[in-house]
Amino acid sequence: MEQIACIRSVKGVGRRVFMDIDQSTVTVTDLEELIAIYHRYGGDLTQLTALSEGGHAQD
């Protein structure tokens, strides 16, 4: 996850993972990678809606 450019830091607490994401630098590729990770580990995709709404993801 740390190889995704928009992720500032990752912290695990128990079975949860917390990511600090710089919304101003999210690219379409970053968003695709995050979606793949959420699918793989059964994450709640609604948590990513803030990144995809309002044109945050850059080409």
PDB file of N, CA and C in Angstrom:
ATOM      1  N   MET A   1       0.818  -1.197   0.000  1.00  0.00           N
ATOM      2  CA  MET A   1       0.000   0.000   0.000  1.00  0.00           C
ATOM      3  C   MET A   1       0.855   1.252   0.000  1.00  0.00           C
ATOM      4  N   GLU A   2       1.997   1.194   0.620  1.00  0.00           N
ATOM      5  CA  GLU A   2       2.827   2.385   0.688  1.00  0.00           C
ATOM      6  C   GLU A   2       3.416   2.774  -0.663  1.00  0.00           C
ATOM      7  N   GLN A   3       3.290   1.888  -1.658  1.00  0.00           N
ATOM      8  CA  GLN A   3       3.782   2.213  -2.990  1.00  0.00           C
ATOM      9  C   GLN A   3       2.769   3.023  -3.791  1.00  0.00           C
ATOM     10  N   ILE A   4       1.555   3.176  -3.267  1.00  0.00           N
ATOM     11  CA  ILE A   4       0.561   4.032  -3.911  1.00  0.00           C
ATOM     12  C   ILE A   4       0.886   5.466  -3.502  1.00  0.00           C
ATOM     13  N   ALA A   5       1.162   6.300  -4.489  1.00  0.00           N
ATOM     14  CA  ALA A   5       1.721   7.631  -4.242  1.00  0.00           C
ATOM     15  C   ALA A   5       0.895   8.508  -3.303  1.00  0.00           C
ATOM     16  N   CYS A   6      -0.427   8.398  -3.326  1.00  0.00           N
ATOM     17  CA  CYS A   6      -1.265   9.287  -2.527  1.00  0.00           C
ATOM     18  C   CYS A   6      -1.343   8.882  -1.050  1.00  0.00           C
ATOM     19  N   ILE A   7      -0.837   7.703  -0.705  1.00  0.00           N
ATOM     20  CA  ILE A   7      -0.900   7.240   0.684  1.00  0.00           C
ATOM     21  C   ILE A   7       0.283   7.796   1.460  1.00  0.00           C
ATOM     22  N   ARG A   8      -0.026   8.583   2.491  1.00  0.00           N
ATOM     23  CA  ARG A   8       1.011   9.183   3.328  1.00  0.00           C
ATOM     24  C   ARG A   8       1.534   8.194   4.360  1.00  0.00           C
ATOM     25  N   SER A   9       0.603   7.449   4.977  1.00  0.00           N
ATOM     26  CA  SER A   9       1.011   6.483   5.998  1.00  0.00           C
ATOM     27  C   SER A   9      -0.063   5.408   6.143  1.00  0.00           C
ATOM     28  N   VAL A  10       0.352   4.259   6.687  1.00  0.00           N
ATOM     29  CA  VAL A  10      -0.539   3.132   6.924  1.00  0.00           C
ATOM     30  C   VAL A  10      -0.302   2.657   8.350  1.00  0.00           C
ATOM     31  N   LYS A  11      -1.407   2.398   9.062  1.00  0.00           N
ATOM     32  CA  LYS A  11      -1.300   1.937  10.449  1.00  0.00           C
ATOM     33  C   LYS A  11      -2.303   0.812  10.651  1.00  0.00           C
ATOM     34  N   GLY A  12      -1.843  -0.287  11.227  1.00  0.00           N
ATOM     35  CA  GLY A  12      -2.725  -1.399  11.529  1.00  0.00           C
ATOM     36  C   GLY A  12      -3.049  -1.440  13.009  1.00  0.00           C
ATOM     37  N   VAL A  13      -4.331  -1.628  13.323  1.00  0.00           N
ATOM     38  CA  VAL A  13      -4.779  -1.765  14.700  1.00  0.00           C
ATOM     39  C   VAL A  13      -5.723  -2.964  14.736  1.00  0.00           C
ATOM     40  N   GLY A  14      -5.255  -4.062  15.305  1.00  0.00           N
ATOM     41  CA  GLY A  14      -6.052  -5.282  15.284  1.00  0.00           C
ATOM     42  C   GLY A  14      -6.244  -5.728  13.852  1.00  0.00           C
ATOM     43  N   ARG A  15      -7.491  -5.952  13.460  1.00  0.00           N
ATOM     44  CA  ARG A  15      -7.798  -6.365  12.085  1.00  0.00           C
ATOM     45  C   ARG A  15      -8.083  -5.170  11.173  1.00  0.00           C
ATOM     46  N   ARG A  16      -7.986  -3.986  11.696  1.00  0.00           N
ATOM     47  CA  ARG A  16      -8.271  -2.781  10.905  1.00  0.00           C
ATOM     48  C   ARG A  16      -6.996  -2.146  10.390  1.00  0.00           C
ATOM     49  N   VAL A  17      -7.113  -1.524   9.230  1.00  0.00           N
ATOM     50  CA  VAL A  17      -5.999  -0.791   8.639  1.00  0.00           C
ATOM     51  C   VAL A  17      -6.468   0.643   8.398  1.00  0.00           C
ATOM     52  N   PHE A  18      -5.658   1.574   8.846  1.00  0.00           N
ATOM     53  CA  PHE A  18      -5.962   2.987   8.664  1.00  0.00           C
ATOM     54  C   PHE A  18      -4.935   3.582   7.710  1.00  0.00           C
ATOM     55  N   MET A  19      -5.436   4.271   6.677  1.00  0.00           N
ATOM     56  CA  MET A  19      -4.561   4.906   5.703  1.00  0.00           C
ATOM     57  C   MET A  19      -4.783   6.411   5.744  1.00  0.00           C
ATOM     58  N   ASP A  20      -3.680   7.142   5.759  1.00  0.00           N
ATOM     59  CA  ASP A  20      -3.743   8.597   5.631  1.00  0.00           C
ATOM     60  C   ASP A  20      -3.503   8.899   4.154  1.00  0.00           C
ATOM     61  N   ILE A  21      -4.530   9.403   3.478  1.00  0.00           N
ATOM     62  CA  ILE A  21      -4.477   9.632   2.035  1.00  0.00           C
ATOM     63  C   ILE A  21      -4.504  11.127   1.745  1.00  0.00           C
ATOM     64  N   ASP A  22      -3.568  11.560   0.920  1.00  0.00           N
ATOM     65  CA  ASP A  22      -3.524  12.955   0.477  1.00  0.00           C
ATOM     66  C   ASP A  22      -4.489  13.083  -0.704  1.00  0.00           C
ATOM     67  N   GLN A  23      -5.687  13.577  -0.445  1.00  0.00           N
ATOM     68  CA  GLN A  23      -6.730  13.642  -1.470  1.00  0.00           C
ATOM     69  C   GLN A  23      -6.343  14.536  -2.641  1.00  0.00           C
ATOM     70  N   SER A  24      -5.470  15.481  -2.424  1.00  0.00           N
ATOM     71  CA  SER A  24      -5.102  16.396  -3.510  1.00  0.00           C
ATOM     72  C   SER A  24      -4.173  15.749  -4.529  1.00  0.00           C
ATOM     73  N   THR A  25      -3.625  14.574  -4.214  1.00  0.00           N
ATOM     74  CA  THR A  25      -2.692  13.926  -5.143  1.00  0.00           C
ATOM     75  C   THR A  25      -3.194  12.593  -5.691  1.00  0.00           C
ATOM     76  N   VAL A  26      -4.451  12.240  -5.411  1.00  0.00           N
ATOM     77  CA  VAL A  26      -5.001  10.960  -5.866  1.00  0.00           C
ATOM     78  C   VAL A  26      -5.147  10.960  -7.383  1.00  0.00           C
ATOM     79  N   THR A  27      -4.573   9.948  -8.019  1.00  0.00           N
ATOM     80  CA  THR A  27      -4.714   9.793  -9.461  1.00  0.00           C
ATOM     81  C   THR A  27      -5.727   8.680  -9.740  1.00  0.00           C
ATOM     82  N   VAL A  28      -6.125   8.569 -10.983  1.00  0.00           N
ATOM     83  CA  VAL A  28      -7.033   7.494 -11.377  1.00  0.00           C
ATOM     84  C   VAL A  28      -6.382   6.146 -11.095  1.00  0.00           C
ATOM     85  N   THR A  29      -5.094   6.031 -11.358  1.00  0.00           N
ATOM     86  CA  THR A  29      -4.363   4.788 -11.089  1.00  0.00           C
ATOM     87  C   THR A  29      -4.355   4.474  -9.596  1.00  0.00           C
ATOM     88  N   ASP A  30      -4.129   5.484  -8.759  1.00  0.00           N
ATOM     89  CA  ASP A  30      -4.168   5.285  -7.304  1.00  0.00           C
ATOM     90  C   ASP A  30      -5.534   4.754  -6.881  1.00  0.00           C
ATOM     91  N   LEU A  31      -6.590   5.360  -7.411  1.00  0.00           N
ATOM     92  CA  LEU A  31      -7.940   4.956  -7.064  1.00  0.00           C
ATOM     93  C   LEU A  31      -8.206   3.516  -7.502  1.00  0.00           C
ATOM     94  N   GLU A  32      -7.748   3.153  -8.682  1.00  0.00           N
ATOM     95  CA  GLU A  32      -7.899   1.770  -9.148  1.00  0.00           C
ATOM     96  C   GLU A  32      -7.176   0.793  -8.225  1.00  0.00           C
ATOM     97  N   GLU A  33      -5.975   1.148  -7.789  1.00  0.00           N
ATOM     98  CA  GLU A  33      -5.211   0.294  -6.869  1.00  0.00           C
ATOM     99  C   GLU A  33      -5.922   0.167  -5.520  1.00  0.00           C
ATOM    100  N   LEU A  34      -6.448   1.271  -5.022  1.00  0.00           N
ATOM    101  CA  LEU A  34      -7.168   1.234  -3.745  1.00  0.00           C
ATOM    102  C   LEU A  34      -8.424   0.372  -3.846  1.00  0.00           C
ATOM    103  N   ILE A  35      -9.144   0.492  -4.951  1.00  0.00           N
ATOM    104  CA  ILE A  35     -10.343  -0.327  -5.156  1.00  0.00           C
ATOM    105  C   ILE A  35      -9.964  -1.810  -5.186  1.00  0.00           C
ATOM    106  N   ALA A  36      -8.865  -2.139  -5.868  1.00  0.00           N
ATOM    107  CA  ALA A  36      -8.408  -3.534  -5.928  1.00  0.00           C
ATOM    108  C   ALA A  36      -8.064  -4.061  -4.535  1.00  0.00           C
ATOM    109  N   ILE A  37      -7.409  -3.244  -3.733  1.00  0.00           N
ATOM    110  CA  ILE A  37      -7.055  -3.651  -2.363  1.00  0.00           C
ATOM    111  C   ILE A  37      -8.316  -3.861  -1.533  1.00  0.00           C
ATOM    112  N   TYR A  38      -9.263  -2.932  -1.645  1.00  0.00           N
ATOM    113  CA  TYR A  38     -10.514  -3.063  -0.889  1.00  0.00           C
ATOM    114  C   TYR A  38     -11.273  -4.319  -1.288  1.00  0.00           C
ATOM    115  N   HIS A  39     -11.307  -4.621  -2.591  1.00  0.00           N
ATOM    116  CA  HIS A  39     -11.961  -5.851  -3.063  1.00  0.00           C
ATOM    117  C   HIS A  39     -11.253  -7.073  -2.504  1.00  0.00           C
ATOM    118  N   ARG A  40      -9.942  -7.085  -2.594  1.00  0.00           N
ATOM    119  CA  ARG A  40      -9.149  -8.241  -2.161  1.00  0.00           C
ATOM    120  C   ARG A  40      -9.366  -8.564  -0.689  1.00  0.00           C
ATOM    121  N   TYR A  41      -9.449  -7.520   0.137  1.00  0.00           N
ATOM    122  CA  TYR A  41      -9.528  -7.739   1.586  1.00  0.00           C
ATOM    123  C   TYR A  41     -10.918  -7.494   2.167  1.00  0.00           C
ATOM    124  N   GLY A  42     -11.914  -7.340   1.303  1.00  0.00           N
ATOM    125  CA  GLY A  42     -13.288  -7.204   1.771  1.00  0.00           C
ATOM    126  C   GLY A  42     -13.589  -5.880   2.451  1.00  0.00           C
ATOM    127  N   GLY A  43     -12.921  -4.832   2.011  1.00  0.00           N
ATOM    128  CA  GLY A  43     -13.154  -3.514   2.595  1.00  0.00           C
ATOM    129  C   GLY A  43     -14.461  -2.907   2.130  1.00  0.00           C
ATOM    130  N   ASP A  44     -14.899  -1.907   2.853  1.00  0.00           N
ATOM    131  CA  ASP A  44     -16.136  -1.192   2.541  1.00  0.00           C
ATOM    132  C   ASP A  44     -15.828  -0.124   1.486  1.00  0.00           C
ATOM    133  N   LEU A  45     -16.231  -0.384   0.254  1.00  0.00           N
ATOM    134  CA  LEU A  45     -15.914   0.517  -0.853  1.00  0.00           C
ATOM    135  C   LEU A  45     -16.528   1.904  -0.707  1.00  0.00           C
ATOM    136  N   THR A  46     -17.566   2.025   0.108  1.00  0.00           N
ATOM    137  CA  THR A  46     -18.162   3.353   0.295  1.00  0.00           C
ATOM    138  C   THR A  46     -17.165   4.315   0.949  1.00  0.00           C
ATOM    139  N   GLN A  47     -16.151   3.779   1.597  1.00  0.00           N
ATOM    140  CA  GLN A  47     -15.127   4.633   2.199  1.00  0.00           C
ATOM    141  C   GLN A  47     -14.286   5.345   1.147  1.00  0.00           C
ATOM    142  N   LEU A  48     -14.320   4.851  -0.076  1.00  0.00           N
ATOM    143  CA  LEU A  48     -13.539   5.463  -1.148  1.00  0.00           C
ATOM    144  C   LEU A  48     -14.342   6.480  -1.965  1.00  0.00           C
ATOM    145  N   THR A  49     -15.625   6.619  -1.675  1.00  0.00           N
ATOM    146  CA  THR A  49     -16.459   7.511  -2.490  1.00  0.00           C
ATOM    147  C   THR A  49     -15.995   8.959  -2.440  1.00  0.00           C
ATOM    148  N   ALA A  50     -15.457   9.391  -1.326  1.00  0.00           N
ATOM    149  CA  ALA A  50     -14.971  10.767  -1.217  1.00  0.00           C
ATOM    150  C   ALA A  50     -13.844  11.029  -2.203  1.00  0.00           C
ATOM    151  N   LEU A  51     -13.084   9.995  -2.537  1.00  0.00           N
ATOM    152  CA  LEU A  51     -11.981  10.153  -3.474  1.00  0.00           C
ATOM    153  C   LEU A  51     -12.456  10.189  -4.919  1.00  0.00           C
ATOM    154  N   SER A  52     -13.534   9.483  -5.205  1.00  0.00           N
ATOM    155  CA  SER A  52     -13.999   9.410  -6.586  1.00  0.00           C
ATOM    156  C   SER A  52     -15.035  10.486  -6.914  1.00  0.00           C
ATOM    157  N   GLU A  53     -15.687  11.031  -5.910  1.00  0.00           N
ATOM    158  CA  GLU A  53     -16.684  12.090  -6.149  1.00  0.00           C
ATOM    159  C   GLU A  53     -16.006  13.448  -6.227  1.00  0.00           C
ATOM    160  N   GLY A  54     -16.580  14.314  -6.970  1.00  0.00           N
ATOM    161  CA  GLY A  54     -16.089  15.683  -7.021  1.00  0.00           C
ATOM    162  C   GLY A  54     -14.801  15.841  -7.805  1.00  0.00           C
ATOM    163  N   GLY A  55     -14.418  14.837  -8.567  1.00  0.00           N
ATOM    164  CA  GLY A  55     -13.246  14.973  -9.416  1.00  0.00           C
ATOM    165  C   GLY A  55     -11.922  14.999  -8.705  1.00  0.00           C
ATOM    166  N   HIS A  56     -11.826  14.373  -7.529  1.00  0.00           N
ATOM    167  CA  HIS A  56     -10.553  14.342  -6.804  1.00  0.00           C
ATOM    168  C   HIS A  56      -9.480  13.578  -7.564  1.00  0.00           C
ATOM    169  N   ALA A  57      -9.861  12.488  -8.222  1.00  0.00           N
ATOM    170  CA  ALA A  57      -8.876  11.669  -8.926  1.00  0.00           C
ATOM    171  C   ALA A  57      -8.395  12.392 -10.183  1.00  0.00           C
ATOM    172  N   GLN A  58      -7.081  12.516 -10.281  1.00  0.00           N
ATOM    173  CA  GLN A  58      -6.470  13.197 -11.428  1.00  0.00           C
ATOM    174  C   GLN A  58      -6.066  12.174 -12.473  1.00  0.00           C
ATOM    175  N   ASP A  59      -6.127  12.571 -13.739  1.00  0.00           N
ATOM    176  CA  ASP A  59      -5.696  11.674 -14.821  1.00  0.00           C
ATOM    177  C   ASP A  59      -4.196  11.586 -14.872  1.00  0.00           C
TER     178      ASP A  59
END
